[in-house]
């Protein structure tokens, strides 16, 4: 999150020294096995042959009791009958043709759950029952729901903290799956972050896996607490350009540190992270220091908001995003971000930070050598940013991280900034260039339309 308006060389995050990353999977020119025939090609069904496996315990426990000890501050409010999502998740048109969907992008077979939330009625599907189910998968497992035949909404009254291990050291990794069967909505009530999955003390090491599938997460909100101190004038420097806002408050629906994430056939709507700050963001999702790329498949992100990364924020993390829809997301911070001692004499996050966000209206990625961001078969439309990258923002921060765009439609994304755009509404400090082996490759079969309706399939070098 360190892009200055002055277009000086980008700065590596001070805390990032020595962190290595895994390389992304190779690109394939074949469309064999890809998802290309209408919507929900890879979801809304039991996992196909060749899908990723699951961690299934030998017995199933029905979770209909009170709140778990890890979330005792929440109340056991029951689910309410809900109309559910009005449309299927994901890109409504033809999706990714250039790349084949890997096993990690397939739904998990959840026919043998470890924990079941509810006993057949909406009233049995309480926050407490879900919290008990979460605590019941400390060794990994599958959580499903039995709330009756109609869509339901479960009010989330306290953040659900998912189990995590030190799987990079002396523990085997665990796999957690939460499957809403296209009938369950988790609602943060515009006051509570819905999920937290933090591997404390590790970055880019852990191989625990979390899969969310066939689920809707709405109205999550992270309330920041780490306010950036005001910087008084010093000599002839007013320090009026110093960063303001917060250093925390990421991930309105989910924040993740380390571990492997899979999002399949999910809807994230109206979630909110901190609204001001240079290094905070991720209105729906925020990923920090992952050892392997996330896989986000056939999912929808609507009207999520944050200082940076209106929908998805990544720091030292990468992702494959397939066949998804991003619409109405906003990066509402201001001033972008830079390290400039001539404008700010105070230190924040080890830098003389200026600017307070506003980058990446829908998707934001910062740093991570070899941790690429690949977006294939997706629509990114009608998003906005106060600064750079109204649709997509990637700063490699001196690394070789690439932005790969295939089979996408990127249109009508608004920003008041008319320069430093590789493609319309896409900003990166690592664009493709003739003869370069480290820059991002030229987009394939992708259309870029600005807010005036002018469209092109090419980008500058």
Protein backbone atom coordinates (compact mmCIF):
# COMPACT_ATOMS: atom_id res chain seq x y z
CA UNK A 1 0.00 0.00 0.00
CA UNK A 2 2.79 2.33 -0.88
CA UNK A 3 2.10 4.05 -4.14
CA UNK A 4 2.97 7.75 -4.28
CA UNK A 5 1.22 10.10 -6.63
CA UNK A 6 4.61 11.38 -7.75
CA UNK A 7 5.45 8.07 -9.47
CA UNK A 8 8.80 7.73 -7.73
CA UNK A 9 10.19 4.19 -7.32
CA UNK A 10 7.97 2.13 -5.07
CA UNK A 11 9.14 1.28 -1.60
CA UNK A 12 9.33 -2.13 -0.01
CA UNK A 13 7.39 -2.51 3.22
CA UNK A 14 9.74 -2.08 6.15
CA UNK A 15 8.42 -5.14 7.98
CA UNK A 16 8.68 -7.45 4.98
CA UNK A 17 12.37 -8.23 5.05
CA UNK A 18 13.33 -11.83 4.49
CA UNK A 19 9.88 -13.19 3.65
CA UNK A 20 9.90 -15.66 0.78
CA UNK A 21 6.96 -16.82 -1.28
CA UNK A 22 5.87 -19.75 -3.39
CA UNK A 23 5.58 -19.41 -7.14
CA UNK A 24 2.13 -19.47 -8.69
CA UNK A 25 1.02 -22.38 -10.84
CA UNK A 26 2.07 -22.25 -14.50
CA UNK A 27 -0.27 -20.82 -17.08
CA UNK A 28 -1.93 -23.18 -19.52
CA UNK A 29 -3.02 -22.42 -23.06
CA UNK A 30 -5.52 -25.25 -23.03
CA UNK A 31 -9.15 -24.77 -22.08
CA UNK A 32 -9.57 -28.46 -21.37
CA UNK A 33 -11.28 -28.84 -18.07
CA UNK A 34 -12.04 -25.16 -17.80
CA UNK A 35 -15.37 -23.76 -16.77
CA UNK A 36 -16.91 -22.17 -19.85
CA UNK A 37 -20.56 -23.03 -20.25
CA UNK A 38 -22.77 -20.66 -18.34
CA UNK A 39 -22.89 -19.91 -14.64
CA UNK A 40 -22.06 -22.03 -11.62
CA UNK A 41 -20.05 -24.44 -13.73
CA UNK A 42 -17.95 -25.58 -10.79
CA UNK A 43 -20.43 -25.23 -7.94
CA UNK A 44 -23.92 -25.87 -6.59
CA UNK A 45 -23.35 -29.61 -6.77
CA UNK A 46 -21.49 -32.35 -4.98
CA UNK A 47 -17.78 -32.19 -5.75
CA UNK A 48 -16.84 -33.71 -9.07
CA UNK A 49 -14.23 -36.39 -9.43
CA UNK A 50 -10.78 -34.97 -8.93
CA UNK A 51 -11.90 -32.29 -6.50
CA UNK A 52 -9.89 -31.45 -3.43
CA UNK A 53 -10.52 -33.81 -0.58
CA UNK A 54 -11.88 -33.18 2.87
CA UNK A 55 -10.96 -33.79 6.46
CA UNK A 56 -13.83 -35.84 7.78
CA UNK A 57 -14.09 -37.18 11.30
CA UNK A 58 -15.64 -40.62 11.77
CA UNK A 59 -18.65 -39.26 13.62
CA UNK A 60 -21.06 -36.37 13.19
CA UNK A 61 -22.09 -34.03 15.99
CA UNK A 62 -25.24 -31.95 15.92
CA UNK A 63 -24.48 -28.46 17.19
CA UNK A 64 -27.59 -26.90 18.64
CA UNK A 65 -26.30 -25.73 22.03
CA UNK A 66 -25.05 -22.44 23.41
CA UNK A 67 -22.09 -20.34 22.44
CA UNK A 68 -18.63 -21.84 22.57
CA UNK A 69 -16.13 -20.66 25.15
CA UNK A 70 -14.13 -18.89 22.42
CA UNK A 71 -17.12 -16.72 21.56
CA UNK A 72 -18.93 -16.45 24.86
CA UNK A 73 -19.72 -12.77 24.37
CA UNK A 74 -22.19 -13.57 21.61
CA UNK A 75 -25.85 -14.30 22.14
CA UNK A 76 -27.58 -17.34 20.69
CA UNK A 77 -29.89 -15.56 18.29
CA UNK A 78 -31.67 -17.97 15.98
CA UNK A 79 -31.66 -17.91 12.22
CA UNK A 80 -34.44 -16.10 10.44
CA UNK A 81 -36.16 -17.26 7.27
CA UNK A 82 -34.63 -15.32 4.42
CA UNK A 83 -35.25 -14.85 0.74
CA UNK A 84 -31.59 -15.59 0.12
CA UNK A 85 -29.55 -14.36 -2.82
CA UNK A 86 -31.71 -13.35 -5.77
CA UNK A 87 -29.19 -14.50 -8.36
CA UNK A 88 -26.54 -17.17 -8.57
CA UNK A 89 -23.04 -16.23 -7.43
CA UNK A 90 -20.26 -15.47 -9.89
CA UNK A 91 -19.83 -14.12 -13.39
CA UNK A 92 -23.22 -14.36 -15.11
CA UNK A 93 -21.60 -14.78 -18.52
CA UNK A 94 -19.05 -17.13 -20.06
CA UNK A 95 -16.09 -17.47 -17.72
CA UNK A 96 -12.48 -18.59 -17.84
CA UNK A 97 -11.46 -20.27 -21.12
CA UNK A 98 -7.69 -19.78 -21.07
CA UNK A 99 -6.90 -21.66 -17.86
CA UNK A 100 -8.11 -25.01 -16.62
CA UNK A 101 -9.59 -24.97 -13.12
CA UNK A 102 -7.18 -26.80 -10.77
CA UNK A 103 -8.32 -29.18 -8.02
CA UNK A 104 -8.00 -26.37 -5.47
CA UNK A 105 -10.77 -24.50 -7.30
CA UNK A 106 -13.29 -27.33 -7.00
CA UNK A 107 -15.93 -27.62 -4.26
CA UNK A 108 -15.33 -30.05 -1.41
CA UNK A 109 -17.57 -33.06 -0.94
CA UNK A 110 -19.37 -32.33 2.35
CA UNK A 111 -21.71 -35.33 2.37
CA UNK A 112 -20.07 -36.64 5.56
CA UNK A 113 -19.90 -33.61 7.86
CA UNK A 114 -18.08 -33.47 11.17
CA UNK A 115 -20.42 -30.87 12.69
CA UNK A 116 -24.01 -30.04 11.74
CA UNK A 117 -25.50 -26.73 12.81
CA UNK A 118 -29.20 -27.05 13.62
CA UNK A 119 -31.71 -29.86 13.91
CA UNK A 120 -33.99 -29.18 10.98
CA UNK A 121 -35.60 -25.82 11.72
CA UNK A 122 -34.55 -22.17 11.45
CA UNK A 123 -34.96 -21.76 15.22
CA UNK A 124 -32.31 -24.42 15.84
CA UNK A 125 -29.69 -22.58 13.78
CA UNK A 126 -28.41 -20.10 16.34
CA UNK A 127 -25.18 -18.19 16.60
CA UNK A 128 -24.34 -20.39 19.60
CA UNK A 129 -24.85 -23.57 17.60
CA UNK A 130 -22.52 -22.27 14.90
CA UNK A 131 -19.92 -21.18 17.47
CA UNK A 132 -20.02 -24.68 18.99
CA UNK A 133 -19.51 -26.20 15.57
CA UNK A 134 -16.50 -23.98 14.95
CA UNK A 135 -14.89 -24.98 18.24
CA UNK A 136 -15.68 -28.61 17.36
CA UNK A 137 -13.33 -28.60 14.36
CA UNK A 138 -10.15 -27.78 16.26
CA UNK A 139 -8.57 -30.81 14.59
CA UNK A 140 -10.14 -29.98 11.24
CA UNK A 141 -13.46 -31.02 9.78
CA UNK A 142 -16.58 -30.10 7.84
CA UNK A 143 -19.40 -27.88 9.08
CA UNK A 144 -22.80 -28.05 7.37
CA UNK A 145 -26.26 -26.75 8.28
CA UNK A 146 -29.67 -28.35 8.91
CA UNK A 147 -31.98 -25.34 9.17
CA UNK A 148 -34.91 -26.56 7.10
CA UNK A 149 -35.58 -26.32 3.37
CA UNK A 150 -35.76 -22.52 3.06
CA UNK A 151 -32.91 -19.98 3.02
CA UNK A 152 -32.05 -18.64 6.48
CA UNK A 153 -29.96 -15.84 7.95
CA UNK A 154 -27.93 -16.39 11.13
CA UNK A 155 -27.10 -13.16 13.00
CA UNK A 156 -23.41 -13.13 13.98
CA UNK A 157 -23.16 -11.35 17.32
CA UNK A 158 -19.44 -11.92 17.98
CA UNK A 159 -16.60 -12.71 15.59
CA UNK A 160 -16.12 -16.43 15.02
CA UNK A 161 -12.46 -17.29 15.57
CA UNK A 162 -11.56 -20.34 13.50
CA UNK A 163 -9.06 -22.91 14.81
CA UNK A 164 -5.45 -22.56 13.65
CA UNK A 165 -2.30 -24.65 14.14
CA UNK A 166 1.44 -24.16 13.79
CA UNK A 167 1.33 -26.56 10.84
CA UNK A 168 4.66 -25.31 9.53
CA UNK A 169 6.45 -26.59 12.64
CA UNK A 170 5.47 -29.71 14.61
CA UNK A 171 1.78 -30.12 13.77
CA UNK A 172 0.08 -31.58 10.74
CA UNK A 173 -2.06 -29.07 8.85
CA UNK A 174 -5.81 -29.13 9.35
CA UNK A 175 -8.59 -28.55 6.84
CA UNK A 176 -11.77 -26.68 7.80
CA UNK A 177 -14.79 -26.50 5.49
CA UNK A 178 -17.98 -24.48 6.03
CA UNK A 179 -20.71 -25.32 3.49
CA UNK A 180 -23.94 -23.29 3.45
CA UNK A 181 -25.59 -25.36 0.69
CA UNK A 182 -26.76 -22.10 -0.99
CA UNK A 183 -29.28 -21.59 1.83
CA UNK A 184 -27.31 -19.98 4.68
CA UNK A 185 -26.44 -16.31 5.16
CA UNK A 186 -24.15 -15.12 7.95
CA UNK A 187 -25.05 -11.53 8.89
CA UNK A 188 -22.70 -9.31 10.89
CA UNK A 189 -25.43 -6.75 11.50
CA UNK A 190 -23.18 -3.88 10.35
CA UNK A 191 -21.30 -4.14 13.64
CA UNK A 192 -19.32 -7.39 13.81
CA UNK A 193 -16.53 -8.93 11.74
CA UNK A 194 -17.90 -12.36 10.80
CA UNK A 195 -14.80 -14.61 10.71
CA UNK A 196 -11.19 -14.39 11.86
CA UNK A 197 -8.51 -16.94 11.00
CA UNK A 198 -5.13 -15.85 12.31
CA UNK A 199 -1.97 -17.95 12.58
CA UNK A 200 -0.14 -15.88 15.13
CA UNK A 201 3.63 -15.69 14.82
CA UNK A 202 3.91 -17.01 11.26
CA UNK A 203 3.95 -15.55 7.77
CA UNK A 204 3.98 -17.55 4.54
CA UNK A 205 4.62 -20.81 6.37
CA UNK A 206 1.34 -22.40 7.41
CA UNK A 207 -0.55 -24.96 5.32
CA UNK A 208 -3.84 -25.19 7.19
CA UNK A 209 -6.72 -24.85 4.70
CA UNK A 210 -10.04 -23.04 5.08
CA UNK A 211 -12.81 -23.55 2.51
CA UNK A 212 -16.00 -21.50 2.46
CA UNK A 213 -18.50 -22.72 -0.10
CA UNK A 214 -22.13 -22.11 -1.08
CA UNK A 215 -22.38 -19.42 1.58
CA UNK A 216 -23.42 -15.77 1.86
CA UNK A 217 -21.64 -13.33 4.18
CA UNK A 218 -23.20 -9.90 4.57
CA UNK A 219 -23.00 -6.76 6.71
CA UNK A 220 -19.72 -7.66 8.36
CA UNK A 221 -17.84 -4.75 9.88
CA UNK A 222 -14.39 -4.48 11.42
CA UNK A 223 -14.02 -1.64 13.88
CA UNK A 224 -10.44 -0.33 13.93
CA UNK A 225 -8.73 0.62 17.19
CA UNK A 226 -5.10 1.43 16.31
CA UNK A 227 -5.44 5.11 15.43
CA UNK A 228 -2.42 6.76 13.80
CA UNK A 229 -1.22 9.54 16.15
CA UNK A 230 -1.41 13.12 14.93
CA UNK A 231 1.93 14.56 13.80
CA UNK A 232 2.49 18.16 14.95
CA UNK A 233 4.45 20.63 12.81
CA UNK A 234 8.23 20.34 12.95
CA UNK A 235 10.32 23.33 11.92
CA UNK A 236 9.32 24.38 8.43
CA UNK A 237 7.41 21.14 7.76
CA UNK A 238 3.71 21.32 8.53
CA UNK A 239 3.25 17.52 8.52
CA UNK A 240 -0.22 18.09 7.10
CA UNK A 241 0.48 15.28 4.59
CA UNK A 242 1.22 12.66 7.23
CA UNK A 243 -0.99 9.57 7.13
CA UNK A 244 -4.13 9.60 9.24
CA UNK A 245 -6.76 7.04 10.09
CA UNK A 246 -5.88 3.57 11.36
CA UNK A 247 -3.25 0.85 11.11
CA UNK A 248 -5.73 -1.98 11.73
CA UNK A 249 -9.35 -2.85 10.99
CA UNK A 250 -8.90 -5.17 8.01
CA UNK A 251 -11.37 -7.66 6.55
CA UNK A 252 -15.02 -6.82 7.18
CA UNK A 253 -16.22 -10.39 6.61
CA UNK A 254 -12.95 -12.32 7.03
CA UNK A 255 -9.39 -11.54 8.00
CA UNK A 256 -6.76 -14.21 7.43
CA UNK A 257 -3.11 -14.42 8.43
CA UNK A 258 -1.13 -17.27 6.84
CA UNK A 259 -2.91 -20.50 5.85
CA UNK A 260 -4.57 -21.48 2.55
CA UNK A 261 -7.98 -20.07 1.59
CA UNK A 262 -10.63 -21.42 -0.78
CA UNK A 263 -13.79 -19.41 -1.56
CA UNK A 264 -16.23 -21.26 -3.82
CA UNK A 265 -19.73 -20.12 -4.85
CA UNK A 266 -20.04 -17.45 -2.15
CA UNK A 267 -21.56 -13.98 -1.98
CA UNK A 268 -19.93 -11.16 0.02
CA UNK A 269 -22.18 -8.12 0.25
CA UNK A 270 -22.17 -4.83 2.15
CA UNK A 271 -19.14 -5.62 4.30
CA UNK A 272 -16.88 -2.87 5.66
CA UNK A 273 -13.32 -2.56 6.92
CA UNK A 274 -11.57 0.54 8.27
CA UNK A 275 -12.44 3.50 6.05
CA UNK A 276 -9.22 5.50 6.39
CA UNK A 277 -5.57 4.51 6.67
CA UNK A 278 -2.55 3.84 4.44
CA UNK A 279 -2.12 0.13 5.20
CA UNK A 280 -5.58 -1.12 6.03
CA UNK A 281 -8.34 -2.45 3.82
CA UNK A 282 -10.25 -5.43 2.50
CA UNK A 283 -13.92 -4.56 2.80
CA UNK A 284 -14.86 -8.23 2.43
CA UNK A 285 -11.59 -10.21 2.67
CA UNK A 286 -8.08 -9.42 3.83
CA UNK A 287 -5.20 -11.88 3.35
CA UNK A 288 -1.82 -11.41 5.02
CA UNK A 289 1.34 -13.46 4.46
CA UNK A 290 -0.05 -16.66 2.93
CA UNK A 291 2.24 -19.55 1.97
CA UNK A 292 0.12 -20.48 -1.05
CA UNK A 293 -2.29 -18.54 -3.27
CA UNK A 294 -5.95 -18.29 -2.38
CA UNK A 295 -8.53 -19.70 -4.81
CA UNK A 296 -11.69 -17.61 -5.23
CA UNK A 297 -14.14 -19.23 -7.60
CA UNK A 298 -17.60 -18.40 -8.96
CA UNK A 299 -18.19 -15.84 -6.23
CA UNK A 300 -19.75 -12.38 -6.04
CA UNK A 301 -18.55 -9.27 -4.21
CA UNK A 302 -21.15 -6.49 -4.00
CA UNK A 303 -20.97 -3.06 -2.34
CA UNK A 304 -18.10 -3.75 0.04
CA UNK A 305 -16.09 -0.78 1.32
CA UNK A 306 -12.68 -0.05 2.84
CA UNK A 307 -9.87 2.50 2.84
CA UNK A 308 -8.01 0.32 0.32
CA UNK A 309 -9.24 -2.86 -1.38
CA UNK A 310 -12.98 -2.36 -1.44
CA UNK A 311 -13.57 -6.10 -1.79
CA UNK A 312 -10.31 -8.11 -1.47
CA UNK A 313 -7.01 -6.95 0.01
CA UNK A 314 -3.74 -8.92 -0.10
CA UNK A 315 -0.40 -8.17 1.58
CA UNK A 316 2.40 -10.66 0.81
CA UNK A 317 -0.31 -12.95 -0.53
CA UNK A 318 -1.50 -14.09 -3.95
CA UNK A 319 -4.68 -15.44 -5.47
CA UNK A 320 -6.36 -17.13 -8.40
CA UNK A 321 -9.76 -15.54 -9.01
CA UNK A 322 -11.96 -17.48 -11.45
CA UNK A 323 -15.40 -16.72 -12.91
CA UNK A 324 -16.33 -14.12 -10.30
CA UNK A 325 -18.20 -10.81 -10.20
CA UNK A 326 -17.10 -7.59 -8.49
CA UNK A 327 -19.59 -4.74 -8.53
CA UNK A 328 -20.16 -1.60 -6.47
CA UNK A 329 -17.09 -1.98 -4.25
CA UNK A 330 -15.23 1.14 -3.12
CA UNK A 331 -11.79 2.17 -1.82
CA UNK A 332 -12.64 5.34 0.09
CA UNK A 333 -9.31 6.37 1.66
CA UNK A 334 -7.48 9.41 0.32
CA UNK A 335 -3.97 10.43 -0.64
CA UNK A 336 -2.63 6.97 -1.65
CA UNK A 337 0.60 6.20 0.26
CA UNK A 338 4.26 7.14 0.17
CA UNK A 339 7.37 7.38 2.36
CA UNK A 340 8.49 11.00 2.27
CA UNK A 341 10.48 12.60 5.11
CA UNK A 342 10.23 15.99 3.43
CA UNK A 343 6.45 15.92 3.90
CA UNK A 344 6.14 14.00 7.18
CA UNK A 345 8.71 13.93 9.97
CA UNK A 346 6.80 11.42 12.13
CA UNK A 347 7.24 7.67 11.78
CA UNK A 348 4.42 5.18 11.27
CA UNK A 349 4.99 1.52 10.44
CA UNK A 350 8.70 2.27 10.21
CA UNK A 351 8.25 4.99 7.59
CA UNK A 352 7.61 8.68 7.17
CA UNK A 353 4.17 7.81 5.84
CA UNK A 354 2.09 10.19 3.79
CA UNK A 355 -1.34 9.53 2.33
CA UNK A 356 -4.20 7.55 3.82
CA UNK A 357 -5.30 5.01 1.21
CA UNK A 358 -7.85 5.02 -1.59
CA UNK A 359 -6.23 2.35 -3.82
CA UNK A 360 -7.91 -0.70 -5.34
CA UNK A 361 -11.65 -0.22 -5.71
CA UNK A 362 -12.32 -3.94 -6.01
CA UNK A 363 -9.02 -5.83 -5.64
CA UNK A 364 -5.69 -4.83 -4.11
CA UNK A 365 -2.39 -6.72 -3.88
CA UNK A 366 0.84 -5.52 -2.27
CA UNK A 367 4.21 -7.32 -2.54
CA UNK A 368 5.12 -10.98 -2.31
CA UNK A 369 7.86 -12.20 -4.64
CA UNK A 370 6.41 -14.85 -6.96
CA UNK A 371 2.94 -14.60 -5.39
CA UNK A 372 0.98 -13.60 -8.47
CA UNK A 373 -2.57 -12.34 -8.81
CA UNK A 374 -4.41 -14.18 -11.59
CA UNK A 375 -7.93 -13.10 -12.57
CA UNK A 376 -9.64 -15.23 -15.21
CA UNK A 377 -13.18 -15.23 -16.55
CA UNK A 378 -14.39 -12.50 -14.20
CA UNK A 379 -16.34 -9.26 -14.46
CA UNK A 380 -15.15 -6.21 -12.53
CA UNK A 381 -17.65 -3.43 -13.12
CA UNK A 382 -18.96 -0.33 -11.44
CA UNK A 383 -16.35 -0.14 -8.69
CA UNK A 384 -14.60 3.03 -7.53
CA UNK A 385 -11.40 4.27 -5.92
CA UNK A 386 -10.42 7.71 -4.70
CA UNK A 387 -6.86 7.16 -5.91
CA UNK A 388 -5.36 4.39 -8.10
CA UNK A 389 -6.76 1.16 -9.53
CA UNK A 390 -10.52 1.62 -9.49
CA UNK A 391 -10.83 -2.03 -10.55
CA UNK A 392 -7.48 -3.65 -9.70
CA UNK A 393 -4.36 -2.36 -7.98
CA UNK A 394 -1.07 -4.28 -7.72
CA UNK A 395 2.18 -2.94 -6.36
CA UNK A 396 5.00 -5.47 -6.57
CA UNK A 397 7.00 -3.38 -4.06
CA UNK A 398 10.23 -4.43 -5.71
CA UNK A 399 9.24 -8.09 -6.01
CA UNK A 400 8.44 -9.96 -9.22
CA UNK A 401 4.73 -10.34 -8.42
CA UNK A 402 2.69 -10.34 -11.64
CA UNK A 403 -0.86 -9.38 -12.52
CA UNK A 404 -2.38 -11.88 -14.96
CA UNK A 405 -5.66 -10.98 -16.66
CA UNK A 406 -7.36 -13.52 -18.92
CA UNK A 407 -10.90 -13.68 -20.32
CA UNK A 408 -12.11 -10.77 -18.18
CA UNK A 409 -14.47 -7.83 -18.69
CA UNK A 410 -13.38 -4.76 -16.73
CA UNK A 411 -15.74 -1.85 -17.22
CA UNK A 412 -17.18 1.37 -15.83
CA UNK A 413 -14.88 1.64 -12.80
CA UNK A 414 -14.46 5.22 -11.60
CA UNK A 415 -11.49 7.14 -10.20
CA UNK A 416 -10.67 10.85 -10.25
CA UNK A 417 -7.05 9.95 -11.10
CA UNK A 418 -6.49 9.87 -14.87
CA UNK A 419 -2.83 8.78 -14.91
CA UNK A 420 -0.75 5.76 -13.87
CA UNK A 421 -3.15 3.30 -15.44
CA UNK A 422 -1.67 0.26 -17.18
CA UNK A 423 -5.11 -0.58 -18.53
CA UNK A 424 -8.34 1.34 -17.97
CA UNK A 425 -8.96 1.31 -14.17
CA UNK A 426 -6.02 -1.07 -13.59
CA UNK A 427 -2.84 0.25 -11.92
CA UNK A 428 0.39 -1.66 -11.35
CA UNK A 429 4.09 -0.90 -10.98
CA UNK A 430 4.97 -4.15 -12.77
CA UNK A 431 3.38 -3.97 -16.25
CA UNK A 432 4.46 -6.03 -19.22
CA UNK A 433 7.34 -4.64 -21.24
CA UNK A 434 9.12 -5.79 -24.39
CA UNK A 435 11.84 -8.27 -23.54
CA UNK A 436 10.98 -8.39 -19.84
CA UNK A 437 10.74 -11.77 -18.12
CA UNK A 438 9.51 -10.36 -14.81
CA UNK A 439 6.76 -7.94 -15.80
CA UNK A 440 3.10 -8.89 -15.96
CA UNK A 441 2.12 -10.60 -19.23
CA UNK A 442 -0.15 -8.82 -21.69
CA UNK A 443 -3.84 -9.52 -20.95
CA UNK A 444 -5.49 -12.29 -22.97
CA UNK A 445 -9.02 -11.94 -24.40
CA UNK A 446 -9.86 -9.16 -21.93
CA UNK A 447 -11.92 -6.03 -22.53
CA UNK A 448 -11.34 -2.74 -20.72
CA UNK A 449 -14.04 -0.06 -20.87
CA UNK A 450 -13.76 3.31 -19.15
CA UNK A 451 -16.63 5.24 -17.62
CA UNK A 452 -17.32 7.00 -20.93
CA UNK A 453 -17.96 3.67 -22.64
CA UNK A 454 -14.76 3.64 -24.68
CA UNK A 455 -13.42 0.08 -24.84
CA UNK A 456 -10.08 -1.51 -25.74
CA UNK A 457 -8.38 -4.88 -25.43
CA UNK A 458 -4.84 -3.51 -25.12
CA UNK A 459 -2.80 -1.97 -22.33
CA UNK A 460 0.22 0.31 -22.29
CA UNK A 461 3.73 -0.95 -21.58
